[in-house]
Amino acid sequence: RPPLFPYIIAGFLDVFESPLSIIIFQIFASALLVILTYMLALAIYPSYRVAMVSGFFMALEPLSIFLNLSFLTETLFTTFFVGGVYFSFLYLKRQSFTDLVFASALFALAALTRPIGQFLLVILLGLVTTFFYRNWQTLIKHLFIATAVYFLILSPWLVRNYVTFGTIGISSGGFQNVYSDLGATIISIRDKVPWYEAKRSLEEDFASRH
């Protein structure tokens, strides 16, 4: 499993000696998520009314409220993810190295929270390539910055996994999650079966072959 959320839990329990401290941390992370949603909506569509409505719905979304009270990675991951998307939009508008660094760093932190986040760098590099494909010198420079920041943050965990297990990777579950979750969605639509049944079938098939 990626290490960031377990380390946060361990740190709060060590300092405050109460699970309530983790819940409070997640509430603050959720509040930050609401602000980031407002800022992202404003960056996409310059309307304060649209931004306020977006932030309002994010603040009152029932599942998010439930997850804030649970020891799950969703709140922290979504905060990093939305923050990365926000700075990605700013980068496309301003072509600022600072925005690119923040986007790459937040996507790296998202990858250290949930294994599915390891694919976010590919999306960011795709955006950079789409924007600068006519200027190779600028393209290579920006691709290098985004990749370097991302792997600089991930490098301690990647080195640890290589030393401990002999393999370089964030988690053993990343590709399997894509296989079971995305594959289950496709099979569910194709075969008109419940998603959880399709997911269970794929996981059983994966386990039997690996």
Protein backbone atom coordinates (compact mmCIF):
# COMPACT_ATOMS: atom_id res chain seq x y z
CA ARG A 1 0.00 0.00 0.00
CA PRO A 2 1.17 3.60 -0.57
CA PRO A 3 2.61 5.01 2.65
CA LEU A 4 1.30 8.54 3.08
CA PHE A 5 -2.03 7.95 4.81
CA PRO A 6 -0.72 5.23 7.18
CA TYR A 7 2.15 7.55 8.15
CA ILE A 8 -0.32 10.37 8.81
CA ILE A 9 -2.43 8.09 11.00
CA ALA A 10 0.64 6.89 12.89
CA GLY A 11 1.88 10.45 13.35
CA PHE A 12 -1.40 11.79 14.72
CA LEU A 13 -1.85 8.80 17.03
CA ASP A 14 1.71 9.18 18.30
CA VAL A 15 1.34 12.92 18.99
CA PHE A 16 -2.27 13.20 20.13
CA GLU A 17 -2.95 9.60 21.23
CA SER A 18 -6.54 9.82 19.99
CA PRO A 19 -8.29 8.67 16.80
CA LEU A 20 -10.34 11.87 17.01
CA SER A 21 -7.29 13.83 15.87
CA ILE A 22 -7.34 11.98 12.56
CA ILE A 23 -11.03 12.77 12.06
CA ILE A 24 -10.32 16.45 12.73
CA PHE A 25 -7.44 16.36 10.24
CA GLN A 26 -9.74 14.87 7.60
CA ILE A 27 -12.36 17.54 8.28
CA PHE A 28 -9.75 20.23 7.65
CA ALA A 29 -8.65 18.41 4.48
CA SER A 30 -12.28 18.29 3.36
CA ALA A 31 -12.64 22.03 4.02
CA LEU A 32 -9.58 22.62 1.87
CA LEU A 33 -11.17 20.42 -0.81
CA VAL A 34 -14.23 22.67 -0.84
CA ILE A 35 -12.01 25.73 -1.33
CA LEU A 36 -10.05 24.01 -4.11
CA THR A 37 -13.31 23.03 -5.82
CA TYR A 38 -14.42 26.66 -5.71
CA MET A 39 -11.07 27.83 -7.13
CA LEU A 40 -11.07 25.14 -9.82
CA ALA A 41 -14.58 26.03 -10.95
CA LEU A 42 -13.55 29.69 -11.09
CA ALA A 43 -10.48 28.79 -13.16
CA ILE A 44 -12.55 26.76 -15.63
CA TYR A 45 -15.52 29.10 -15.87
CA PRO A 46 -15.04 32.68 -14.58
CA SER A 47 -18.34 32.95 -12.74
CA TYR A 48 -18.48 33.44 -8.99
CA ARG A 49 -22.01 32.04 -8.94
CA VAL A 50 -20.91 28.79 -10.62
CA ALA A 51 -17.91 28.55 -8.31
CA MET A 52 -20.05 29.10 -5.21
CA VAL A 53 -22.55 26.45 -6.31
CA SER A 54 -19.71 23.99 -6.99
CA GLY A 55 -18.20 24.58 -3.57
CA PHE A 56 -21.62 24.35 -1.93
CA PHE A 57 -22.40 20.96 -3.46
CA MET A 58 -18.95 19.65 -2.58
CA ALA A 59 -19.41 20.75 1.03
CA LEU A 60 -22.77 18.98 1.34
CA GLU A 61 -22.02 15.86 -0.70
CA PRO A 62 -23.22 13.01 1.59
CA LEU A 63 -20.56 10.43 0.76
CA SER A 64 -17.76 12.94 1.38
CA ILE A 65 -19.21 13.77 4.78
CA PHE A 66 -19.31 10.05 5.64
CA LEU A 67 -15.74 9.50 4.42
CA ASN A 68 -14.48 12.35 6.59
CA LEU A 69 -15.49 10.29 9.62
CA SER A 70 -13.81 7.12 8.37
CA PHE A 71 -10.17 6.07 8.27
CA LEU A 72 -10.11 5.91 4.48
CA THR A 73 -7.85 7.53 1.91
CA GLU A 74 -10.56 9.08 -0.25
CA THR A 75 -10.65 12.53 1.37
CA LEU A 76 -6.89 13.07 1.32
CA PHE A 77 -6.51 11.64 -2.18
CA THR A 78 -9.33 13.78 -3.60
CA THR A 79 -7.85 16.91 -2.01
CA PHE A 80 -4.48 16.27 -3.65
CA PHE A 81 -6.14 15.32 -6.92
CA VAL A 82 -8.36 18.41 -7.17
CA GLY A 83 -5.43 20.59 -6.14
CA GLY A 84 -3.32 19.07 -8.91
CA VAL A 85 -6.08 19.58 -11.47
CA TYR A 86 -6.46 23.21 -10.34
CA PHE A 87 -2.77 23.99 -10.81
CA SER A 88 -2.82 22.11 -14.13
CA PHE A 89 -5.49 24.49 -15.39
CA LEU A 90 -3.48 27.47 -14.14
CA TYR A 91 -0.44 26.07 -15.92
CA LEU A 92 -2.30 25.79 -19.21
CA LYS A 93 -3.39 29.43 -18.83
CA ARG A 94 -0.10 30.95 -17.68
CA GLN A 95 2.59 28.43 -18.72
CA SER A 96 4.20 29.03 -15.33
CA PHE A 97 6.86 26.69 -13.99
CA THR A 98 5.49 27.29 -10.50
CA ASP A 99 2.04 26.01 -11.49
CA LEU A 100 3.61 22.99 -13.19
CA VAL A 101 5.69 22.19 -10.11
CA PHE A 102 2.65 22.40 -7.81
CA ALA A 103 0.55 20.24 -10.16
CA SER A 104 3.24 17.58 -10.40
CA ALA A 105 3.92 17.64 -6.64
CA LEU A 106 0.24 17.28 -5.73
CA PHE A 107 -0.20 14.42 -8.20
CA ALA A 108 2.82 12.72 -6.63
CA LEU A 109 1.28 13.09 -3.16
CA ALA A 110 -1.96 11.67 -4.56
CA ALA A 111 0.01 8.66 -5.84
CA LEU A 112 1.50 8.19 -2.37
CA THR A 113 -2.05 8.14 -1.00
CA ARG A 114 -3.80 5.80 -3.44
CA PRO A 115 -2.08 3.62 -6.07
CA ILE A 116 -4.40 4.78 -8.86
CA GLY A 117 -2.70 8.17 -8.53
CA GLN A 118 0.45 6.86 -10.20
CA PHE A 119 -1.23 7.33 -13.58
CA LEU A 120 -1.83 11.06 -13.05
CA LEU A 121 1.67 11.95 -14.25
CA VAL A 122 0.83 10.47 -17.66
CA ILE A 123 -2.18 12.80 -17.93
CA LEU A 124 -0.09 15.82 -16.90
CA LEU A 125 2.64 15.00 -19.41
CA GLY A 126 -0.05 14.58 -22.07
CA LEU A 127 -1.36 18.07 -21.34
CA VAL A 128 2.14 19.52 -21.55
CA THR A 129 2.79 17.73 -24.84
CA THR A 130 -0.51 18.86 -26.35
CA PHE A 131 0.24 22.46 -25.45
CA PHE A 132 3.91 22.66 -26.52
CA TYR A 133 4.21 20.01 -29.24
CA ARG A 134 5.25 22.67 -31.79
CA ASN A 135 8.12 23.93 -29.63
CA TRP A 136 10.40 21.00 -28.90
CA GLN A 137 12.87 22.92 -26.76
CA THR A 138 10.16 24.23 -24.43
CA LEU A 139 8.36 20.88 -24.48
CA ILE A 140 11.42 18.93 -23.32
CA LYS A 141 12.14 21.48 -20.59
CA HIS A 142 8.60 21.36 -19.21
CA LEU A 143 8.38 17.57 -19.44
CA PHE A 144 11.63 17.29 -17.54
CA ILE A 145 10.44 19.63 -14.77
CA ALA A 146 7.14 17.78 -14.32
CA THR A 147 8.78 14.35 -14.30
CA ALA A 148 11.66 15.38 -12.03
CA VAL A 149 9.39 16.90 -9.37
CA TYR A 150 7.08 13.88 -9.46
CA PHE A 151 9.81 11.28 -9.04
CA LEU A 152 11.76 13.38 -6.54
CA ILE A 153 8.78 13.14 -4.18
CA LEU A 154 8.22 9.45 -4.92
CA SER A 155 11.90 8.46 -4.84
CA PRO A 156 12.24 7.59 -1.10
CA TRP A 157 9.32 5.16 -1.32
CA LEU A 158 10.50 3.70 -4.65
CA VAL A 159 14.01 3.17 -3.27
CA ARG A 160 12.58 1.56 -0.12
CA ASN A 161 10.51 -0.87 -2.21
CA TYR A 162 13.51 -1.73 -4.38
CA VAL A 163 15.74 -2.39 -1.37
CA THR A 164 13.05 -4.35 0.48
CA PHE A 165 11.31 -6.24 -2.33
CA GLY A 166 13.65 -5.91 -5.30
CA THR A 167 11.10 -4.06 -7.39
CA ILE A 168 10.46 -0.41 -8.19
CA GLY A 169 6.81 0.47 -7.73
CA ILE A 170 4.44 2.46 -5.57
CA SER A 171 2.10 -0.42 -4.83
CA SER A 172 1.35 -3.90 -6.04
CA GLY A 173 -2.33 -2.98 -6.37
CA GLY A 174 -2.25 -0.14 -8.90
CA PHE A 175 -2.64 -2.04 -12.15
CA GLN A 176 -4.84 -4.66 -10.50
CA ASN A 177 -7.20 -1.90 -9.34
CA VAL A 178 -7.44 -0.51 -12.85
CA TYR A 179 -8.07 -4.03 -14.14
CA SER A 180 -10.81 -4.85 -11.64
CA ASP A 181 -12.52 -1.44 -11.33
CA LEU A 182 -12.44 -0.22 -14.93
CA GLY A 183 -12.84 -3.72 -16.31
CA ALA A 184 -15.83 -4.33 -14.05
CA THR A 185 -17.48 -1.17 -15.35
CA ILE A 186 -17.04 -2.27 -18.96
CA ILE A 187 -18.29 -5.80 -18.29
CA SER A 188 -21.21 -4.50 -16.24
CA ILE A 189 -22.37 -2.34 -19.15
CA ARG A 190 -21.69 -5.01 -21.76
CA ASP A 191 -23.30 -7.93 -19.96
CA LYS A 192 -25.93 -5.92 -18.05
CA VAL A 193 -24.89 -7.36 -14.69
CA PRO A 194 -24.38 -5.52 -11.36
CA TRP A 195 -20.98 -3.83 -11.10
CA TYR A 196 -20.03 -5.61 -7.87
CA GLU A 197 -20.68 -9.01 -9.50
CA ALA A 198 -18.48 -8.14 -12.47
CA LYS A 199 -15.75 -6.88 -10.11
CA ARG A 200 -15.88 -10.03 -7.98
CA SER A 201 -15.66 -12.21 -11.08
CA LEU A 202 -12.61 -10.31 -12.36
CA GLU A 203 -10.89 -10.46 -8.97
CA GLU A 204 -11.48 -14.20 -8.71
CA ASP A 205 -10.13 -14.67 -12.24
CA PHE A 206 -7.09 -12.50 -11.42
CA ALA A 207 -6.39 -14.45 -8.22
CA SER A 208 -6.62 -17.82 -9.99
CA ARG A 209 -4.06 -16.77 -12.61
CA HIS A 210 -1.65 -14.89 -10.36
